[in-house]
Protein backbone atom coordinates (compact mmCIF):
# COMPACT_ATOMS: atom_id res chain seq x y z
CA UNK A 1 -47.05 40.78 25.30
CA UNK A 2 -47.51 42.18 28.79
CA UNK A 3 -44.24 43.39 30.30
CA UNK A 4 -45.50 42.10 33.57
CA UNK A 5 -45.81 38.51 32.69
CA UNK A 6 -43.11 36.45 34.37
CA UNK A 7 -43.16 33.35 31.98
CA UNK A 8 -44.51 32.00 28.65
CA UNK A 9 -45.23 28.44 27.53
CA UNK A 10 -43.33 28.08 24.27
CA UNK A 11 -43.49 25.07 22.03
CA UNK A 12 -40.44 23.05 21.02
CA UNK A 13 -39.31 19.41 20.48
CA UNK A 14 -37.77 17.05 22.81
CA UNK A 15 -35.31 14.38 21.52
CA UNK A 16 -35.45 11.18 23.16
CA UNK A 17 -33.51 7.69 22.33
CA UNK A 18 -37.20 6.38 21.26
CA UNK A 19 -37.81 9.42 18.74
CA UNK A 20 -39.15 12.90 18.71
CA UNK A 21 -41.79 14.42 21.07
CA UNK A 22 -43.58 17.85 20.73
CA UNK A 23 -43.47 19.71 23.99
CA UNK A 24 -44.74 23.10 25.55
CA UNK A 25 -42.34 24.48 28.45
CA UNK A 26 -42.68 27.46 30.52
CA UNK A 27 -39.65 29.79 29.61
CA UNK A 28 -38.96 32.89 31.81
CA UNK A 29 -39.59 36.43 30.61
CA UNK A 30 -36.94 39.12 30.28
CA UNK A 31 -37.55 42.89 29.53
CA UNK A 32 -35.51 46.03 29.19
CA UNK A 33 -35.39 47.97 32.52
CA UNK A 34 -34.32 51.55 32.00
CA UNK A 35 -33.04 53.42 35.29
CA UNK A 36 -33.60 56.93 34.77
CA UNK A 37 -32.23 59.41 37.25
CA UNK A 38 -33.51 63.15 37.21
CA UNK A 39 -34.55 62.53 33.35
CA UNK A 40 -31.33 60.84 32.36
CA UNK A 41 -31.12 57.17 31.33
CA UNK A 42 -28.06 55.77 33.28
CA UNK A 43 -28.39 52.27 32.49
CA UNK A 44 -30.72 49.61 30.70
CA UNK A 45 -30.67 46.12 32.01
CA UNK A 46 -32.39 42.98 30.92
CA UNK A 47 -34.51 41.60 34.00
CA UNK A 48 -37.32 39.60 34.95
CA UNK A 49 -40.40 41.97 34.96
CA UNK A 50 -40.96 41.33 38.83
CA UNK A 51 -40.18 43.24 41.83
CA UNK A 52 -38.84 46.09 39.66
CA UNK A 53 -39.05 48.55 42.31
CA UNK A 54 -36.64 46.31 44.49
CA UNK A 55 -34.45 45.93 41.63
CA UNK A 56 -34.25 49.63 40.92
CA UNK A 57 -33.56 50.46 44.56
CA UNK A 58 -30.87 47.76 44.79
CA UNK A 59 -29.17 48.84 41.87
CA UNK A 60 -29.11 52.50 42.57
CA UNK A 61 -27.53 51.66 45.87
CA UNK A 62 -24.94 49.04 44.76
CA UNK A 63 -23.83 51.10 41.77
CA UNK A 64 -23.49 54.04 43.67
CA UNK A 65 -26.27 56.38 42.66
CA UNK A 66 -27.63 56.82 45.88
CA UNK A 67 -26.39 56.06 49.26
CA UNK A 68 -29.87 55.36 50.95
CA UNK A 69 -33.62 56.08 50.75
CA UNK A 70 -33.08 59.70 51.85
CA UNK A 71 -31.43 60.42 48.53
CA UNK A 72 -34.66 59.81 46.56
CA UNK A 73 -37.12 62.69 46.49
CA UNK A 74 -39.66 60.61 44.25
CA UNK A 75 -39.89 57.51 42.36
CA UNK A 76 -42.23 55.87 39.99
CA UNK A 77 -42.55 53.02 37.57
CA UNK A 78 -43.50 53.38 33.97
CA UNK A 79 -44.49 50.47 31.81
CA UNK A 80 -44.13 50.93 28.07
CA UNK A 81 -44.83 48.55 25.39
CA UNK A 82 -41.11 48.04 24.93
CA UNK A 83 -39.94 47.82 28.63
CA UNK A 84 -40.46 49.22 31.82
CA UNK A 85 -38.78 52.75 33.21
CA UNK A 86 -37.82 53.20 36.83
CA UNK A 87 -37.61 56.97 37.33
CA UNK A 88 -35.53 58.62 40.21
CA UNK A 89 -35.87 61.99 41.46
CA UNK A 90 -32.71 62.72 43.71
CA UNK A 91 -31.40 65.27 46.07
CA UNK A 92 -29.39 67.90 44.51
CA UNK A 93 -26.17 66.62 46.22
CA UNK A 94 -26.24 63.18 44.27
CA UNK A 95 -25.85 65.11 40.97
CA UNK A 96 -22.14 64.95 40.83
CA UNK A 97 -22.30 61.32 41.75
CA UNK A 98 -24.79 60.68 38.67
CA UNK A 99 -22.34 62.51 36.35
CA UNK A 100 -19.52 60.33 37.47
CA UNK A 101 -21.40 57.03 37.26
CA UNK A 102 -23.60 58.05 34.22
CA UNK A 103 -23.38 55.35 31.60
CA UNK A 104 -25.42 54.04 28.78
CA UNK A 105 -25.56 50.24 28.57
CA UNK A 106 -27.65 47.32 27.49
CA UNK A 107 -26.77 44.44 30.14
CA UNK A 108 -27.07 41.02 29.14
CA UNK A 109 -27.95 38.51 31.71
CA UNK A 110 -24.68 36.99 31.98
CA UNK A 111 -22.75 40.06 33.15
CA UNK A 112 -22.84 42.37 35.77
CA UNK A 113 -20.13 45.01 34.75
CA UNK A 114 -21.27 45.69 31.17
CA UNK A 115 -20.83 49.06 29.73
CA UNK A 116 -18.50 50.33 32.64
CA UNK A 117 -16.09 52.78 30.93
CA UNK A 118 -13.04 52.48 33.20
CA UNK A 119 -11.38 49.86 35.06
CA UNK A 120 -11.45 51.92 38.04
CA UNK A 121 -15.21 51.32 38.22
CA UNK A 122 -15.08 47.63 37.64
CA UNK A 123 -12.43 47.15 40.70
CA UNK A 124 -13.91 49.86 43.12
CA UNK A 125 -12.45 50.45 46.41
CA UNK A 126 -14.83 48.66 49.01
CA UNK A 127 -15.52 49.63 52.43
CA UNK A 128 -14.07 46.93 55.22
CA UNK A 129 -16.92 45.26 57.05
CA UNK A 130 -17.13 45.14 60.79
CA UNK A 131 -15.69 41.79 61.95
CA UNK A 132 -18.20 41.47 65.11
CA UNK A 133 -21.28 41.74 62.65
CA UNK A 134 -23.33 38.60 62.44
CA UNK A 135 -22.39 35.09 63.75
CA UNK A 136 -23.74 31.82 62.29
CA UNK A 137 -23.51 28.34 63.25
CA UNK A 138 -22.41 25.71 60.77
CA UNK A 139 -26.02 24.30 60.86
CA UNK A 140 -27.44 27.76 60.14
CA UNK A 141 -25.39 28.20 56.91
CA UNK A 142 -26.26 24.75 55.67
CA UNK A 143 -30.14 25.31 56.40
CA UNK A 144 -30.19 28.63 54.87
CA UNK A 145 -28.68 27.23 51.39
CA UNK A 146 -31.17 24.31 51.35
CA UNK A 147 -34.43 26.57 52.58
CA UNK A 148 -33.59 28.99 49.59
CA UNK A 149 -34.89 26.21 47.49
CA UNK A 150 -38.35 26.81 49.12
CA UNK A 151 -38.48 30.41 47.79
CA UNK A 152 -37.96 29.97 44.08
CA UNK A 153 -41.63 29.66 42.46
CA UNK A 154 -40.28 31.14 39.12
CA UNK A 155 -37.10 28.54 38.94
CA UNK A 156 -39.66 25.73 39.95
CA UNK A 157 -41.78 26.61 36.83
CA UNK A 158 -39.14 27.42 34.50
CA UNK A 159 -35.75 25.93 35.68
CA UNK A 160 -34.12 28.83 34.06
CA UNK A 161 -33.64 31.74 36.73
CA UNK A 162 -31.36 32.71 39.86
CA UNK A 163 -32.31 33.38 43.47
CA UNK A 164 -30.89 35.69 46.14
CA UNK A 165 -32.01 35.42 49.66
CA UNK A 166 -31.29 36.74 53.08
CA UNK A 167 -31.31 34.53 55.98
CA UNK A 168 -31.07 35.49 59.63
CA UNK A 169 -28.71 33.89 62.30
CA UNK A 170 -30.64 30.78 62.52
CA UNK A 171 -30.53 30.17 58.80
CA UNK A 172 -34.23 31.04 58.10
CA UNK A 173 -34.92 32.95 54.80
CA UNK A 174 -36.33 36.28 55.58
CA UNK A 175 -36.55 37.78 52.08
CA UNK A 176 -35.71 36.13 48.55
CA UNK A 177 -35.99 37.50 45.15
CA UNK A 178 -35.40 35.79 41.61
CA UNK A 179 -34.39 36.97 38.37
CA UNK A 180 -32.94 35.79 34.88
CA UNK A 181 -29.76 37.40 35.99
CA UNK A 182 -27.73 36.59 39.06
CA UNK A 183 -26.70 40.10 39.62
CA UNK A 184 -30.38 41.35 38.93
CA UNK A 185 -31.76 38.91 41.64
CA UNK A 186 -29.11 40.16 44.21
CA UNK A 187 -29.76 43.71 43.41
CA UNK A 188 -33.56 42.99 44.19
CA UNK A 189 -32.84 41.38 47.28
CA UNK A 190 -30.74 44.47 48.55
CA UNK A 191 -33.32 46.80 47.32
CA UNK A 192 -36.27 44.79 49.29
CA UNK A 193 -34.07 45.06 52.30
CA UNK A 194 -33.59 48.53 51.86
CA UNK A 195 -37.11 49.20 51.42
CA UNK A 196 -38.28 46.99 54.16
CA UNK A 197 -35.95 48.41 56.85
CA UNK A 198 -34.03 45.13 57.19
CA UNK A 199 -30.39 45.41 58.60
CA UNK A 200 -28.25 43.21 56.03
CA UNK A 201 -25.50 43.48 58.76
CA UNK A 202 -27.46 41.04 60.78
CA UNK A 203 -27.52 37.88 58.81
CA UNK A 204 -26.02 36.62 55.25
CA UNK A 205 -26.85 36.70 51.59
CA UNK A 206 -27.53 33.34 49.93
CA UNK A 207 -27.07 32.84 46.23
CA UNK A 208 -27.83 30.05 43.75
CA UNK A 209 -25.09 31.17 41.41
CA UNK A 210 -21.07 31.66 41.37
CA UNK A 211 -19.66 34.20 43.28
CA UNK A 212 -17.89 36.86 40.87
CA UNK A 213 -16.47 40.22 41.32
CA UNK A 214 -19.78 42.09 41.02
CA UNK A 215 -21.53 39.85 43.45
CA UNK A 216 -18.92 40.74 46.08
CA UNK A 217 -18.95 44.22 45.58
CA UNK A 218 -22.90 44.43 45.66
CA UNK A 219 -22.68 42.44 48.97
CA UNK A 220 -20.25 44.52 50.62
CA UNK A 221 -21.76 47.73 49.56
CA UNK A 222 -24.90 46.56 51.15
CA UNK A 223 -23.12 46.08 54.47
CA UNK A 224 -23.88 42.12 54.51
CA UNK A 225 -20.77 40.33 56.33
CA UNK A 226 -21.32 36.90 55.08
CA UNK A 227 -22.08 35.70 51.53
CA UNK A 228 -22.96 32.17 50.90
CA UNK A 229 -23.34 30.22 47.41
CA UNK A 230 -23.96 26.87 45.90
CA UNK A 231 -21.09 27.30 43.31
CA UNK A 232 -17.71 28.61 43.11
CA UNK A 233 -15.91 31.93 43.82
CA UNK A 234 -13.64 33.32 41.23
CA UNK A 235 -9.99 34.07 42.37
CA UNK A 236 -10.55 37.78 42.00
CA UNK A 237 -13.65 37.67 43.98
CA UNK A 238 -12.14 35.91 46.64
CA UNK A 239 -9.16 38.32 46.88
CA UNK A 240 -11.88 41.24 47.20
CA UNK A 241 -13.81 39.50 49.93
CA UNK A 242 -10.52 38.87 51.95
CA UNK A 243 -9.77 42.75 51.63
CA UNK A 244 -13.28 43.63 52.62
CA UNK A 245 -13.51 41.07 55.34
CA UNK A 246 -16.25 39.57 53.81
CA UNK A 247 -16.81 35.92 55.11
CA UNK A 248 -17.24 33.75 51.97
CA UNK A 249 -18.68 30.26 51.87
CA UNK A 250 -19.14 28.36 48.66
CA UNK A 251 -20.30 24.97 47.38
CA UNK A 252 -22.99 25.06 50.04
CA UNK A 253 -24.88 21.85 49.07
CA UNK A 254 -26.17 18.73 50.80
CA UNK A 255 -25.37 20.12 54.27
CA UNK A 256 -21.79 20.97 53.58
CA UNK A 257 -19.85 24.06 52.41
CA UNK A 258 -16.46 25.60 51.98
CA UNK A 259 -15.26 28.58 53.76
CA UNK A 260 -12.62 30.78 51.84
CA UNK A 261 -12.62 33.99 53.70
CA UNK A 262 -12.81 35.30 57.29
CA UNK A 263 -14.25 32.09 58.85
CA UNK A 264 -14.41 33.86 62.31
CA UNK A 265 -18.32 34.55 61.64
CA UNK A 266 -19.07 30.75 61.10
CA UNK A 267 -19.23 28.64 64.30
CA UNK A 268 -18.01 25.14 62.79
CA UNK A 269 -17.86 23.45 66.30
CA UNK A 270 -15.24 21.13 64.88
CA UNK A 271 -11.22 21.05 64.48
CA UNK A 272 -9.72 21.29 61.07
CA UNK A 273 -9.11 18.11 59.36
CA UNK A 274 -5.49 17.41 58.57
């Protein structure tokens, strides 16, 4: 099996009222990706084997291993039979940060906090976002959620992956990434923005998943002031969003959405309904 193959056609049996039928269905691939900093493996995450460099850069930023591209002296992707290594060589002043964040873990796709060895790391203090960053209209928010669907080729093929996109003030999707893990898709997106020189403060991140604590953390650390999702936030995620001044819009489907925190960045053009 090539670690770069994104999906495989797999046999199965479908059960219908009239009986059983053989089938073949495209299923998404996932492979171990080792994040290696200065020769030390800090994490091993299960991820889709696409856009690995974006994933590595986004993960390194949102997990505190780097503060930006200037911290990276060299970087390479090395494919093995058992998985992929993303190797970083960093500037000297990041050595202490790596020791503080060092962990060995295998992250299943449903969890973005696996392997963290202290509660303090799980509930990191987040920076406060500037309230003047980004203004989106009601139409732009609804448009972004709808237009993300056109940027999910692997989901269309397999129906088994998440997507994260970045939209501009008009609600147009500028960059999008997919992965079997929702937090991996977000890391890939953030890494793509970082590598492409796109300012996350001038738009919004759009997710196909629920909004959990780690999704809020990664969005705020990336410096994006608005987070839009098709599903619900957790209560803890909402509290973090409120504290960090992150605008959080959820249940964005069919042209409608709910706003849960810092609504000043979304111009609704309507009065509150009693």
